[in-house]
Amino acid sequence: MMLPFFNDIVGLMGAVGFWPLTVFFPVEMYIAQRKVKRWSTKWVCLQVLSVSCLLISAVAAIGSVAGIVDALKVFKPLKNRY
């Protein structure tokens, strides 16, 4: 009742945390541990994966912010509807 846009906030937090925690750090650690040579086919594929997930995460964050803005236009926080 207090936060009808709760799903958008959770979506924003998920979008912000998805890329660095799930994609970027594991990919960089894999590259460092396996000593993947720069500009090799495997390195390029891993970097393309990382950048594409970054773009997906950015689009999800933009969508969540748009949902929050739309919800705040209609809903006035901490106001009674009597």
N, C-alpha and C. Protein backbone atom coordinates (compact mmCIF):
# COMPACT_ATOMS: atom_id res chain seq x y z
N MET A 1 0.82 -1.19 0.00
CA MET A 1 0.00 0.00 0.00
C MET A 1 0.87 1.26 0.00
N MET A 2 1.96 1.22 0.76
CA MET A 2 2.83 2.39 0.83
C MET A 2 3.69 2.54 -0.42
N LEU A 3 4.09 1.43 -1.01
CA LEU A 3 4.97 1.48 -2.17
C LEU A 3 4.38 0.66 -3.32
N PRO A 4 3.48 1.24 -4.09
CA PRO A 4 2.92 0.47 -5.20
C PRO A 4 3.92 0.25 -6.33
N PHE A 5 5.03 0.93 -6.29
CA PHE A 5 6.07 0.78 -7.30
C PHE A 5 7.24 -0.05 -6.78
N PHE A 6 6.98 -0.91 -5.81
CA PHE A 6 8.02 -1.74 -5.19
C PHE A 6 8.71 -2.62 -6.23
N ASN A 7 7.94 -3.17 -7.17
CA ASN A 7 8.54 -4.03 -8.21
C ASN A 7 9.56 -3.26 -9.05
N ASP A 8 9.28 -2.01 -9.33
CA ASP A 8 10.23 -1.20 -10.10
C ASP A 8 11.51 -0.94 -9.32
N ILE A 9 11.40 -0.74 -8.02
CA ILE A 9 12.58 -0.51 -7.19
C ILE A 9 13.43 -1.78 -7.12
N VAL A 10 12.78 -2.92 -6.93
CA VAL A 10 13.50 -4.19 -6.91
C VAL A 10 14.14 -4.46 -8.28
N GLY A 11 13.44 -4.14 -9.35
CA GLY A 11 14.00 -4.29 -10.69
C GLY A 11 15.22 -3.41 -10.91
N LEU A 12 15.19 -2.19 -10.39
CA LEU A 12 16.33 -1.28 -10.51
C LEU A 12 17.53 -1.83 -9.73
N MET A 13 17.30 -2.30 -8.52
CA MET A 13 18.40 -2.87 -7.75
C MET A 13 18.98 -4.11 -8.44
N GLY A 14 18.12 -4.92 -9.02
CA GLY A 14 18.59 -6.10 -9.74
C GLY A 14 19.38 -5.74 -10.98
N ALA A 15 18.93 -4.72 -11.69
CA ALA A 15 19.63 -4.29 -12.91
C ALA A 15 20.99 -3.71 -12.58
N VAL A 16 21.08 -2.97 -11.49
CA VAL A 16 22.35 -2.36 -11.10
C VAL A 16 23.33 -3.43 -10.61
N GLY A 17 22.83 -4.45 -9.93
CA GLY A 17 23.71 -5.47 -9.38
C GLY A 17 24.02 -6.62 -10.31
N PHE A 18 23.23 -6.80 -11.37
CA PHE A 18 23.39 -7.96 -12.23
C PHE A 18 24.73 -7.98 -12.95
N TRP A 19 25.04 -6.93 -13.69
CA TRP A 19 26.22 -6.96 -14.55
C TRP A 19 27.53 -7.08 -13.77
N PRO A 20 27.79 -6.25 -12.76
CA PRO A 20 29.10 -6.39 -12.11
C PRO A 20 29.27 -7.68 -11.33
N LEU A 21 28.23 -8.12 -10.65
CA LEU A 21 28.36 -9.30 -9.78
C LEU A 21 28.25 -10.61 -10.53
N THR A 22 27.41 -10.66 -11.55
CA THR A 22 27.14 -11.92 -12.23
C THR A 22 27.96 -12.09 -13.51
N VAL A 23 28.37 -11.02 -14.14
CA VAL A 23 29.05 -11.12 -15.42
C VAL A 23 30.47 -10.57 -15.38
N PHE A 24 30.63 -9.31 -15.04
CA PHE A 24 31.94 -8.66 -15.19
C PHE A 24 33.04 -9.30 -14.34
N PHE A 25 32.84 -9.39 -13.03
CA PHE A 25 33.88 -9.94 -12.17
C PHE A 25 34.20 -11.40 -12.48
N PRO A 26 33.19 -12.28 -12.66
CA PRO A 26 33.54 -13.66 -13.02
C PRO A 26 34.29 -13.77 -14.36
N VAL A 27 33.90 -12.99 -15.35
CA VAL A 27 34.59 -13.04 -16.64
C VAL A 27 36.03 -12.55 -16.50
N GLU A 28 36.23 -11.47 -15.78
CA GLU A 28 37.59 -10.94 -15.60
C GLU A 28 38.45 -11.90 -14.78
N MET A 29 37.87 -12.55 -13.79
CA MET A 29 38.62 -13.53 -13.00
C MET A 29 38.99 -14.74 -13.85
N TYR A 30 38.08 -15.18 -14.71
CA TYR A 30 38.36 -16.30 -15.60
C TYR A 30 39.51 -15.94 -16.54
N ILE A 31 39.46 -14.74 -17.10
CA ILE A 31 40.52 -14.30 -18.01
C ILE A 31 41.86 -14.24 -17.28
N ALA A 32 41.84 -13.74 -16.05
CA ALA A 32 43.09 -13.63 -15.29
C ALA A 32 43.63 -15.00 -14.88
N GLN A 33 42.75 -15.89 -14.40
CA GLN A 33 43.20 -17.20 -13.94
C GLN A 33 43.68 -18.09 -15.07
N ARG A 34 42.96 -18.06 -16.18
CA ARG A 34 43.34 -18.91 -17.32
C ARG A 34 44.37 -18.27 -18.23
N LYS A 35 44.73 -17.01 -17.90
CA LYS A 35 45.70 -16.24 -18.70
C LYS A 35 45.32 -16.24 -20.18
N VAL A 36 44.08 -15.85 -20.43
CA VAL A 36 43.59 -15.75 -21.81
C VAL A 36 44.28 -14.57 -22.47
N LYS A 37 44.85 -14.81 -23.63
CA LYS A 37 45.58 -13.76 -24.33
C LYS A 37 44.61 -12.73 -24.89
N ARG A 38 45.05 -11.49 -24.79
CA ARG A 38 44.27 -10.38 -25.31
C ARG A 38 44.09 -10.51 -26.82
N TRP A 39 42.89 -10.19 -27.28
CA TRP A 39 42.50 -10.23 -28.68
C TRP A 39 42.46 -11.64 -29.28
N SER A 40 42.51 -12.66 -28.42
CA SER A 40 42.27 -14.02 -28.94
C SER A 40 40.76 -14.19 -29.11
N THR A 41 40.36 -15.27 -29.79
CA THR A 41 38.94 -15.50 -30.05
C THR A 41 38.16 -15.64 -28.74
N LYS A 42 38.71 -16.37 -27.79
CA LYS A 42 38.04 -16.56 -26.50
C LYS A 42 37.90 -15.25 -25.75
N TRP A 43 38.96 -14.41 -25.76
CA TRP A 43 38.93 -13.14 -25.08
C TRP A 43 37.87 -12.22 -25.70
N VAL A 44 37.82 -12.18 -27.02
CA VAL A 44 36.84 -11.33 -27.71
C VAL A 44 35.42 -11.80 -27.40
N CYS A 45 35.20 -13.11 -27.42
CA CYS A 45 33.86 -13.64 -27.11
C CYS A 45 33.44 -13.31 -25.69
N LEU A 46 34.35 -13.42 -24.74
CA LEU A 46 34.03 -13.09 -23.35
C LEU A 46 33.75 -11.60 -23.19
N GLN A 47 34.48 -10.77 -23.89
CA GLN A 47 34.24 -9.33 -23.81
C GLN A 47 32.91 -8.94 -24.47
N VAL A 48 32.58 -9.61 -25.57
CA VAL A 48 31.28 -9.37 -26.23
C VAL A 48 30.15 -9.78 -25.29
N LEU A 49 30.30 -10.91 -24.61
CA LEU A 49 29.30 -11.34 -23.63
C LEU A 49 29.15 -10.31 -22.53
N SER A 50 30.25 -9.81 -22.02
CA SER A 50 30.22 -8.83 -20.95
C SER A 50 29.54 -7.53 -21.39
N VAL A 51 29.90 -7.04 -22.56
CA VAL A 51 29.31 -5.78 -23.05
C VAL A 51 27.83 -5.95 -23.35
N SER A 52 27.44 -7.07 -23.92
CA SER A 52 26.01 -7.29 -24.20
C SER A 52 25.20 -7.37 -22.92
N CYS A 53 25.74 -8.01 -21.90
CA CYS A 53 25.03 -8.05 -20.61
C CYS A 53 24.99 -6.67 -19.95
N LEU A 54 26.03 -5.86 -20.16
CA LEU A 54 26.00 -4.48 -19.66
C LEU A 54 24.88 -3.69 -20.33
N LEU A 55 24.73 -3.85 -21.62
CA LEU A 55 23.66 -3.14 -22.34
C LEU A 55 22.29 -3.59 -21.87
N ILE A 56 22.12 -4.89 -21.68
CA ILE A 56 20.84 -5.41 -21.19
C ILE A 56 20.55 -4.86 -19.80
N SER A 57 21.55 -4.81 -18.95
CA SER A 57 21.38 -4.29 -17.61
C SER A 57 21.05 -2.80 -17.63
N ALA A 58 21.67 -2.05 -18.52
CA ALA A 58 21.38 -0.61 -18.64
C ALA A 58 19.96 -0.37 -19.11
N VAL A 59 19.51 -1.16 -20.08
CA VAL A 59 18.12 -1.02 -20.56
C VAL A 59 17.13 -1.38 -19.46
N ALA A 60 17.44 -2.41 -18.68
CA ALA A 60 16.55 -2.78 -17.56
C ALA A 60 16.51 -1.68 -16.51
N ALA A 61 17.64 -1.05 -16.23
CA ALA A 61 17.68 0.04 -15.26
C ALA A 61 16.87 1.25 -15.77
N ILE A 62 17.00 1.55 -17.04
CA ILE A 62 16.24 2.66 -17.62
C ILE A 62 14.74 2.37 -17.54
N GLY A 63 14.36 1.14 -17.84
CA GLY A 63 12.96 0.76 -17.75
C GLY A 63 12.42 0.84 -16.33
N SER A 64 13.22 0.46 -15.36
CA SER A 64 12.79 0.54 -13.96
C SER A 64 12.63 1.98 -13.51
N VAL A 65 13.56 2.83 -13.92
CA VAL A 65 13.45 4.25 -13.57
C VAL A 65 12.21 4.86 -14.22
N ALA A 66 11.93 4.49 -15.46
CA ALA A 66 10.73 5.00 -16.13
C ALA A 66 9.47 4.53 -15.40
N GLY A 67 9.47 3.28 -14.92
CA GLY A 67 8.32 2.77 -14.16
C GLY A 67 8.15 3.51 -12.85
N ILE A 68 9.24 3.82 -12.18
CA ILE A 68 9.17 4.57 -10.91
C ILE A 68 8.64 5.98 -11.16
N VAL A 69 9.13 6.63 -12.22
CA VAL A 69 8.67 7.99 -12.54
C VAL A 69 7.18 7.99 -12.87
N ASP A 70 6.72 7.01 -13.65
CA ASP A 70 5.30 6.92 -13.98
C ASP A 70 4.45 6.66 -12.74
N ALA A 71 4.94 5.81 -11.85
CA ALA A 71 4.18 5.51 -10.63
C ALA A 71 4.11 6.73 -9.71
N LEU A 72 5.18 7.52 -9.67
CA LEU A 72 5.18 8.70 -8.80
C LEU A 72 4.30 9.83 -9.35
N LYS A 73 4.01 9.82 -10.64
CA LYS A 73 3.10 10.83 -11.20
C LYS A 73 1.68 10.63 -10.70
N VAL A 74 1.31 9.38 -10.51
CA VAL A 74 -0.06 9.05 -10.09
C VAL A 74 -0.17 8.96 -8.58
N PHE A 75 0.80 8.36 -7.94
CA PHE A 75 0.75 8.07 -6.52
C PHE A 75 1.45 9.15 -5.73
N LYS A 76 0.83 9.62 -4.67
CA LYS A 76 1.45 10.60 -3.76
C LYS A 76 1.81 9.86 -2.48
N PRO A 77 3.10 9.67 -2.22
CA PRO A 77 3.52 8.93 -1.02
C PRO A 77 3.04 9.57 0.27
N LEU A 78 2.64 8.75 1.21
CA LEU A 78 2.22 9.14 2.56
C LEU A 78 1.02 10.07 2.57
N LYS A 79 0.13 9.94 1.61
CA LYS A 79 -1.12 10.71 1.62
C LYS A 79 -2.28 9.74 1.81
N ASN A 80 -3.25 10.16 2.58
CA ASN A 80 -4.46 9.36 2.79
C ASN A 80 -5.38 9.51 1.59
N ARG A 81 -6.11 8.42 1.29
CA ARG A 81 -7.04 8.45 0.16
C ARG A 81 -8.49 8.55 0.63
N TYR A 82 -8.75 9.04 1.80
CA TYR A 82 -10.11 9.10 2.34
C TYR A 82 -10.91 10.18 1.66
